[in-house]
């Protein structure tokens, strides 16, 4: 990961170019830091959903139900759905 001290004059395009292929740690003069990393569509969706309270609630309910009732294997799900 490359570290860059961000100056007020730095443009977004300059920072994007530097972040191509390698995560970029951006530091402000105040000491705050941010990470700029190139992502693909799937990564962007993962970031967008991370910490989503509605999704977290659904996952919590699903995990609790699975602990109570058990999990289905992939083969069992395919059988139920009549999938190949």
Protein backbone atom coordinates (compact mmCIF):
# COMPACT_ATOMS: atom_id res chain seq x y z
CA UNK A 1 0.00 0.00 0.00
CA UNK A 2 1.35 3.36 -1.02
CA UNK A 3 0.99 6.33 1.37
CA UNK A 4 0.40 9.83 0.04
CA UNK A 5 0.31 13.10 1.95
CA UNK A 6 -2.66 14.85 0.36
CA UNK A 7 -2.26 18.49 -0.51
CA UNK A 8 -5.26 20.72 -1.11
CA UNK A 9 -4.19 20.98 -4.76
CA UNK A 10 -4.42 17.23 -5.42
CA UNK A 11 -7.20 16.42 -7.85
CA UNK A 12 -9.40 13.35 -7.67
CA UNK A 13 -8.07 12.27 -11.10
CA UNK A 14 -4.46 12.38 -9.83
CA UNK A 15 -5.40 10.27 -6.81
CA UNK A 16 -7.39 7.79 -8.92
CA UNK A 17 -4.42 7.39 -11.25
CA UNK A 18 -2.12 6.67 -8.29
CA UNK A 19 -4.58 4.12 -6.87
CA UNK A 20 -4.65 2.01 -10.04
CA UNK A 21 -3.51 -1.48 -9.13
CA UNK A 22 -2.47 -0.60 -5.57
CA UNK A 23 -4.35 0.65 -2.51
CA UNK A 24 -3.54 4.23 -1.63
CA UNK A 25 -3.42 5.49 1.97
CA UNK A 26 -4.30 9.19 1.96
CA UNK A 27 -3.16 11.29 4.90
CA UNK A 28 -4.34 14.80 5.70
CA UNK A 29 -2.28 17.35 7.53
CA UNK A 30 -4.68 16.94 10.48
CA UNK A 31 -3.63 13.28 10.82
CA UNK A 32 -6.86 11.78 9.48
CA UNK A 33 -6.34 8.97 6.98
CA UNK A 34 -8.43 7.37 4.25
CA UNK A 35 -7.92 4.44 1.92
CA UNK A 36 -8.58 4.74 -1.80
CA UNK A 37 -8.75 1.41 -3.58
CA UNK A 38 -9.99 0.46 -7.03
CA UNK A 39 -13.00 -1.84 -6.84
CA UNK A 40 -14.98 -3.84 -9.37
CA UNK A 41 -18.78 -3.98 -9.49
CA UNK A 42 -19.02 -6.87 -7.02
CA UNK A 43 -16.71 -5.17 -4.52
CA UNK A 44 -18.71 -1.95 -4.79
CA UNK A 45 -21.91 -3.85 -3.99
CA UNK A 46 -20.25 -5.52 -1.00
CA UNK A 47 -19.15 -2.14 0.37
CA UNK A 48 -22.62 -0.69 -0.20
CA UNK A 49 -24.25 -3.51 1.78
CA UNK A 50 -21.70 -3.67 4.59
CA UNK A 51 -23.26 -2.51 7.82
CA UNK A 52 -26.74 -2.18 6.27
CA UNK A 53 -29.06 -2.58 9.28
CA UNK A 54 -31.85 -4.22 7.26
CA UNK A 55 -29.51 -6.79 5.73
CA UNK A 56 -27.86 -7.42 9.11
CA UNK A 57 -31.30 -8.11 10.64
CA UNK A 58 -32.19 -10.56 7.85
CA UNK A 59 -28.87 -12.38 8.26
CA UNK A 60 -29.28 -12.53 12.06
CA UNK A 61 -32.77 -14.04 11.71
CA UNK A 62 -31.52 -16.53 9.13
CA UNK A 63 -28.61 -17.63 11.30
CA UNK A 64 -30.87 -18.04 14.34
CA UNK A 65 -33.34 -20.11 12.32
CA UNK A 66 -30.52 -22.26 10.92
CA UNK A 67 -29.24 -22.91 14.46
CA UNK A 68 -32.76 -23.96 15.55
CA UNK A 69 -33.79 -25.95 12.49
CA UNK A 70 -30.48 -26.94 10.92
CA UNK A 71 -28.82 -26.13 7.66
CA UNK A 72 -29.55 -27.62 4.26
CA UNK A 73 -26.65 -28.85 2.18
CA UNK A 74 -26.21 -27.64 -1.38
CA UNK A 75 -27.34 -31.06 -2.61
CA UNK A 76 -30.51 -30.85 -0.49
CA UNK A 77 -31.34 -27.42 -1.87
CA UNK A 78 -30.79 -28.65 -5.44
CA UNK A 79 -33.12 -31.59 -4.80
CA UNK A 80 -35.83 -29.34 -3.38
CA UNK A 81 -35.51 -26.94 -6.32
CA UNK A 82 -35.10 -29.80 -8.80
CA UNK A 83 -31.96 -28.08 -10.06
CA UNK A 84 -29.08 -29.88 -11.82
